[in-house]
Amino acid sequence: MSILMSASDGPGTAPADQGVGPLLRAWRERRRISQLELALRAGSSARHVSFVETGRSRPSEEMVLRLAEHLDVPVRERNALLLAAGYAPRYPETPLDDPAMGALRAGMERLIRGYEPYPALVVDALYNVVAANRGIVMLLDEMPESLLGPPLNAMRLTLHPQGLAPRIRNLREWRGHLLAQMERQIALHRSAPLRELYEEVAAYPVPETAPEAEPEEPVPYFALPMQLEYRGRILSFISSISTFNTPMDVTVAELAIETLLPADPATVKYLQEFVP
């Protein structure tokens, strides 16, 4: 059966005391969009966008949200923009264990359970695991209790020298991929807790792993696989991450569903035979 846990508090928001103008300018520059291009997308003028960014004009609540939409600003950061402009946050942040989230929790449970026997899990913005299916539980059956206590964290489980790291045959490649992923999220969200997690897992010593095993027949991988040793076998997975479209709640916006797609026929056969 799958496991379901409460999501932790999300990452920190941008400080509102910067004013909405500098925050919008920072988002625009991060997206590499000119004032004119943003104005055309938002149905405004480059002059007005310039006045907003320099503080000469106070944007309406609708304009803040329109600019944020065209800059693809995350939902949590849209609340920060509204606060900086003097408006109330628009998007709630409902705890995952709230009764109002019952349909969401049930839907996620059905989704990852339906993916069995292949591993699937749901994580929040800090990579804390809020749900996992039996495929994931199987891969963690030999992990030390110290890593399995709440909050169960996917990055710690993967990169800790007592976690999955010693069993990952292509650890250096996979570790580099995960750290680069976290770096992109830190740049996007400016989250202090996420940076703390990054600094922690990046400092883990890299354990020696066995040489990569050559498959019996060459496999044409279409993405970087995670090659994991499990009970004397090499299981190979391709990771796929899904998020919710047009979320109206901060908690929902920061959830990600990760599925591990078997990357070769041997992994398919093993999981179909041995996952209960």
Protein backbone atom coordinates (compact mmCIF):
# COMPACT_ATOMS: atom_id res chain seq x y z
CA MET A 1 0.00 0.00 0.00
CA SER A 2 1.17 3.56 -0.55
CA ILE A 3 2.27 5.89 2.20
CA LEU A 4 0.91 9.40 2.69
CA MET A 5 2.43 12.06 4.93
CA SER A 6 1.83 15.71 5.67
CA ALA A 7 3.64 18.21 3.49
CA SER A 8 6.03 20.54 5.28
CA ASP A 9 6.00 24.29 5.08
CA GLY A 10 7.00 25.50 1.63
CA PRO A 11 10.03 27.60 0.75
CA GLY A 12 10.37 31.19 1.78
CA THR A 13 8.99 34.01 -0.33
CA ALA A 14 10.76 37.03 -1.68
CA PRO A 15 10.97 39.93 0.78
CA ALA A 16 8.15 42.41 0.25
CA ASP A 17 10.19 45.40 1.45
CA GLN A 18 11.99 45.52 -1.91
CA GLY A 19 8.91 47.03 -3.52
CA VAL A 20 7.03 45.51 -6.40
CA GLY A 21 9.00 47.41 -9.08
CA PRO A 22 12.44 45.90 -8.40
CA LEU A 23 10.88 42.46 -7.96
CA LEU A 24 9.11 42.66 -11.32
CA ARG A 25 12.26 43.94 -12.99
CA ALA A 26 14.23 41.02 -11.52
CA TRP A 27 11.69 38.52 -12.87
CA ARG A 28 11.72 40.19 -16.28
CA GLU A 29 15.50 40.11 -16.47
CA ARG A 30 15.53 36.50 -15.33
CA ARG A 31 13.19 35.66 -18.20
CA ARG A 32 15.31 37.76 -20.59
CA ILE A 33 12.33 39.75 -21.81
CA SER A 34 12.49 43.45 -22.74
CA GLN A 35 10.10 46.01 -21.29
CA LEU A 36 8.53 46.40 -24.72
CA GLU A 37 7.99 42.67 -25.18
CA LEU A 38 6.45 42.32 -21.73
CA ALA A 39 4.21 45.31 -22.35
CA LEU A 40 2.96 43.85 -25.63
CA ARG A 41 2.22 40.51 -23.99
CA ALA A 42 0.38 42.16 -21.09
CA GLY A 43 -1.57 44.66 -23.19
CA SER A 44 0.23 47.64 -21.70
CA SER A 45 2.96 50.07 -22.81
CA ALA A 46 6.72 49.98 -22.34
CA ARG A 47 6.42 53.38 -20.65
CA HIS A 48 4.00 52.04 -18.05
CA VAL A 49 6.13 48.96 -17.40
CA SER A 50 9.15 51.23 -16.95
CA PHE A 51 7.26 53.46 -14.51
CA VAL A 52 6.15 50.41 -12.52
CA GLU A 53 9.69 49.02 -12.31
CA THR A 54 11.15 52.36 -11.15
CA GLY A 55 8.39 53.02 -8.64
CA ARG A 56 6.97 56.04 -10.47
CA SER A 57 3.66 54.24 -10.95
CA ARG A 58 1.81 51.86 -8.63
CA PRO A 59 0.34 48.98 -10.63
CA SER A 60 -3.19 47.79 -10.04
CA GLU A 61 -3.74 44.36 -8.54
CA GLU A 62 -4.90 43.14 -11.95
CA MET A 63 -1.74 44.49 -13.60
CA VAL A 64 0.52 42.77 -11.05
CA LEU A 65 -1.17 39.46 -11.74
CA ARG A 66 -1.13 40.01 -15.51
CA LEU A 67 2.59 40.79 -15.53
CA ALA A 68 3.28 37.82 -13.25
CA GLU A 69 1.32 35.55 -15.59
CA HIS A 70 3.32 36.62 -18.64
CA LEU A 71 6.58 36.30 -16.69
CA ASP A 72 5.62 32.77 -15.60
CA VAL A 73 6.14 33.68 -11.94
CA PRO A 74 5.47 30.78 -9.52
CA VAL A 75 2.27 31.03 -7.51
CA ARG A 76 4.04 31.60 -4.17
CA GLU A 77 6.05 34.45 -5.69
CA ARG A 78 2.89 36.01 -7.13
CA ASN A 79 1.64 36.40 -3.58
CA ALA A 80 4.94 38.07 -2.73
CA LEU A 81 4.50 40.51 -5.64
CA LEU A 82 1.00 41.38 -4.47
CA LEU A 83 2.21 42.01 -0.92
CA ALA A 84 5.04 44.19 -2.21
CA ALA A 85 2.48 46.22 -4.18
CA GLY A 86 0.29 46.66 -1.09
CA TYR A 87 -2.37 44.08 -1.91
CA ALA A 88 -3.54 40.96 -0.11
CA PRO A 89 -2.26 37.59 -1.33
CA ARG A 90 -4.52 36.04 -3.93
CA TYR A 91 -3.54 32.37 -3.59
CA PRO A 92 -4.16 30.38 -0.38
CA GLU A 93 -1.68 27.87 1.05
CA THR A 94 -3.80 25.00 2.32
CA PRO A 95 -2.06 22.25 4.33
CA LEU A 96 -2.14 18.94 2.49
CA ASP A 97 -3.82 17.23 5.45
CA ASP A 98 -6.68 19.76 5.44
CA PRO A 99 -10.09 18.14 4.76
CA ALA A 100 -10.44 20.44 1.74
CA MET A 101 -7.51 18.59 0.16
CA GLY A 102 -9.18 15.18 0.49
CA ALA A 103 -9.99 14.84 -3.21
CA LEU A 104 -6.44 15.86 -4.15
CA ARG A 105 -4.88 13.34 -1.77
CA ALA A 106 -7.15 10.57 -3.00
CA GLY A 107 -6.38 11.43 -6.62
CA MET A 108 -2.64 11.35 -6.06
CA GLU A 109 -2.93 8.03 -4.23
CA ARG A 110 -4.87 6.50 -7.12
CA LEU A 111 -2.41 7.87 -9.65
CA ILE A 112 0.77 6.53 -8.08
CA ARG A 113 -0.90 3.25 -7.07
CA GLY A 114 -2.02 2.77 -10.67
CA TYR A 115 1.60 3.15 -11.80
CA GLU A 116 2.65 0.05 -9.83
CA PRO A 117 4.73 -2.06 -10.10
CA TYR A 118 6.88 0.85 -11.27
CA PRO A 119 8.07 3.32 -8.61
CA ALA A 120 6.27 6.66 -8.19
CA LEU A 121 6.19 9.30 -5.49
CA VAL A 122 4.93 12.82 -4.76
CA VAL A 123 7.23 15.49 -3.28
CA ASP A 124 6.74 19.05 -2.11
CA ALA A 125 8.94 22.06 -2.89
CA LEU A 126 11.59 20.88 -0.42
CA TYR A 127 11.64 17.33 -1.82
CA ASN A 128 9.85 15.97 1.23
CA VAL A 129 7.94 12.84 0.23
CA VAL A 130 4.20 13.22 0.78
CA ALA A 131 3.15 10.00 -0.96
CA ALA A 132 4.87 6.93 -2.40
CA ASN A 133 3.78 3.61 -3.89
CA ARG A 134 5.00 0.05 -3.35
CA GLY A 135 7.61 0.36 -6.07
CA ILE A 136 9.36 3.07 -4.05
CA VAL A 137 8.92 1.18 -0.79
CA MET A 138 10.63 -1.84 -2.37
CA LEU A 139 13.69 0.22 -3.34
CA LEU A 140 13.98 1.58 0.22
CA ASP A 141 13.64 -1.73 2.07
CA GLU A 142 17.30 -1.78 3.13
CA MET A 143 17.66 1.88 4.10
CA PRO A 144 18.70 2.78 7.68
CA GLU A 145 15.94 4.00 9.99
CA SER A 146 17.73 7.32 10.45
CA LEU A 147 16.96 8.20 6.82
CA LEU A 148 13.40 6.91 6.88
CA GLY A 149 12.12 9.08 9.73
CA PRO A 150 9.89 12.07 9.03
CA PRO A 151 10.23 14.20 7.09
CA LEU A 152 11.24 11.63 4.50
CA ASN A 153 13.32 13.57 1.98
CA ALA A 154 13.96 12.33 -1.55
CA MET A 155 17.24 14.19 -2.00
CA ARG A 156 18.69 12.90 1.28
CA LEU A 157 17.57 9.35 0.49
CA THR A 158 19.19 9.51 -2.94
CA LEU A 159 22.49 11.27 -2.18
CA HIS A 160 23.28 10.28 1.42
CA PRO A 161 26.27 7.87 1.64
CA GLN A 162 24.08 5.51 3.68
CA GLY A 163 21.13 5.90 1.33
CA LEU A 164 20.79 4.97 -2.33
CA ALA A 165 24.06 6.65 -3.37
CA PRO A 166 26.36 3.61 -2.93
CA ARG A 167 23.94 1.55 -5.04
CA ILE A 168 23.72 4.00 -7.94
CA ARG A 169 26.18 2.78 -10.57
CA ASN A 170 26.32 6.11 -12.46
CA LEU A 171 26.30 8.17 -9.26
CA ARG A 172 28.47 11.06 -10.43
CA GLU A 173 26.28 11.71 -13.47
CA TRP A 174 23.05 11.33 -11.50
CA ARG A 175 24.32 13.43 -8.58
CA GLY A 176 25.34 16.20 -10.97
CA HIS A 177 21.89 16.12 -12.56
CA LEU A 178 20.10 16.40 -9.19
CA LEU A 179 22.30 19.21 -7.88
CA ALA A 180 21.85 21.17 -11.12
CA GLN A 181 18.09 20.70 -10.80
CA MET A 182 18.17 22.12 -7.27
CA GLU A 183 20.31 25.06 -8.40
CA ARG A 184 17.71 25.98 -11.02
CA GLN A 185 14.95 25.85 -8.44
CA ILE A 186 16.91 28.00 -5.99
CA ALA A 187 17.43 30.62 -8.69
CA LEU A 188 13.70 30.56 -9.42
CA HIS A 189 12.27 30.53 -5.90
CA ARG A 190 15.00 32.21 -3.79
CA SER A 191 14.16 29.72 -1.03
CA ALA A 192 16.42 29.73 2.05
CA PRO A 193 15.25 26.24 3.21
CA LEU A 194 15.90 24.84 -0.26
CA ARG A 195 19.39 26.36 -0.29
CA GLU A 196 20.08 24.81 3.13
CA LEU A 197 19.04 21.42 1.79
CA TYR A 198 21.22 21.92 -1.28
CA GLU A 199 24.26 22.81 0.82
CA GLU A 200 23.65 19.76 3.01
CA VAL A 201 23.35 17.19 0.23
CA ALA A 202 26.09 18.78 -1.91
CA ALA A 203 28.47 18.33 1.03
CA TYR A 204 27.82 14.60 1.35
CA PRO A 205 30.94 12.56 0.53
CA VAL A 206 30.62 10.67 -2.72
CA PRO A 207 30.90 6.94 -1.90
CA GLU A 208 32.85 4.60 -4.09
CA THR A 209 30.52 2.70 -6.37
CA ALA A 210 31.12 -0.43 -8.39
CA PRO A 211 32.03 -0.05 -12.06
CA GLU A 212 29.05 0.32 -14.32
CA ALA A 213 27.82 -3.02 -15.58
CA GLU A 214 27.50 -3.44 -19.32
CA PRO A 215 24.03 -4.66 -20.36
CA GLU A 216 23.84 -7.93 -22.26
CA GLU A 217 22.56 -5.99 -25.24
CA PRO A 218 23.15 -2.26 -25.83
CA VAL A 219 20.17 -0.16 -24.74
CA PRO A 220 19.49 3.10 -26.65
CA TYR A 221 18.62 5.35 -23.70
CA PHE A 222 16.63 8.45 -24.63
CA ALA A 223 17.38 10.27 -21.35
CA LEU A 224 19.91 9.96 -18.52
CA PRO A 225 19.02 6.78 -16.63
CA MET A 226 19.53 6.06 -12.95
CA GLN A 227 21.22 2.67 -12.83
CA LEU A 228 20.52 1.19 -9.41
CA GLU A 229 21.93 -1.99 -7.92
CA TYR A 230 19.23 -3.93 -6.12
CA ARG A 231 19.79 -7.40 -4.66
CA GLY A 232 22.47 -8.32 -7.15
CA ARG A 233 20.67 -6.88 -10.17
CA ILE A 234 20.99 -3.60 -12.04
CA LEU A 235 17.67 -1.79 -12.41
CA SER A 236 17.60 1.13 -14.82
CA PHE A 237 15.07 3.98 -14.58
CA ILE A 238 14.24 7.17 -16.46
CA SER A 239 12.72 9.88 -14.26
CA SER A 240 9.66 11.85 -15.36
CA ILE A 241 8.23 14.76 -13.31
CA SER A 242 4.68 16.14 -13.58
CA THR A 243 3.11 19.18 -11.94
CA PHE A 244 -0.45 20.50 -11.75
CA ASN A 245 -1.65 22.79 -14.52
CA THR A 246 -3.01 26.25 -13.58
CA PRO A 247 -2.93 25.68 -9.80
CA MET A 248 -4.84 28.12 -7.57
CA ASP A 249 -3.22 27.09 -4.29
CA VAL A 250 0.45 27.44 -3.26
CA THR A 251 0.61 23.93 -1.81
CA VAL A 252 -0.77 22.36 -4.97
CA ALA A 253 1.50 24.46 -7.19
CA GLU A 254 4.59 23.15 -5.40
CA LEU A 255 3.73 19.44 -5.56
CA ALA A 256 5.55 17.29 -8.11
CA ILE A 257 4.74 13.72 -9.10
CA GLU A 258 7.85 11.76 -10.06
CA THR A 259 7.53 8.47 -11.87
CA LEU A 260 10.43 6.11 -12.58
CA LEU A 261 9.99 4.59 -15.99
CA PRO A 262 11.85 1.30 -16.56
CA ALA A 263 14.58 2.02 -19.10
CA ASP A 264 15.23 -1.52 -20.30
CA PRO A 265 13.36 -4.83 -20.68
CA ALA A 266 15.23 -6.47 -17.77
CA THR A 267 13.96 -3.84 -15.33
CA VAL A 268 10.40 -4.23 -16.63
CA LYS A 269 10.54 -8.00 -16.16
CA TYR A 270 12.02 -7.84 -12.67
CA LEU A 271 9.49 -5.30 -11.34
CA GLN A 272 6.53 -7.14 -12.83
CA GLU A 273 7.67 -10.37 -11.19
CA PHE A 274 8.81 -9.17 -7.76
CA VAL A 275 6.83 -6.10 -6.71
CA PRO A 276 3.95 -7.47 -4.61
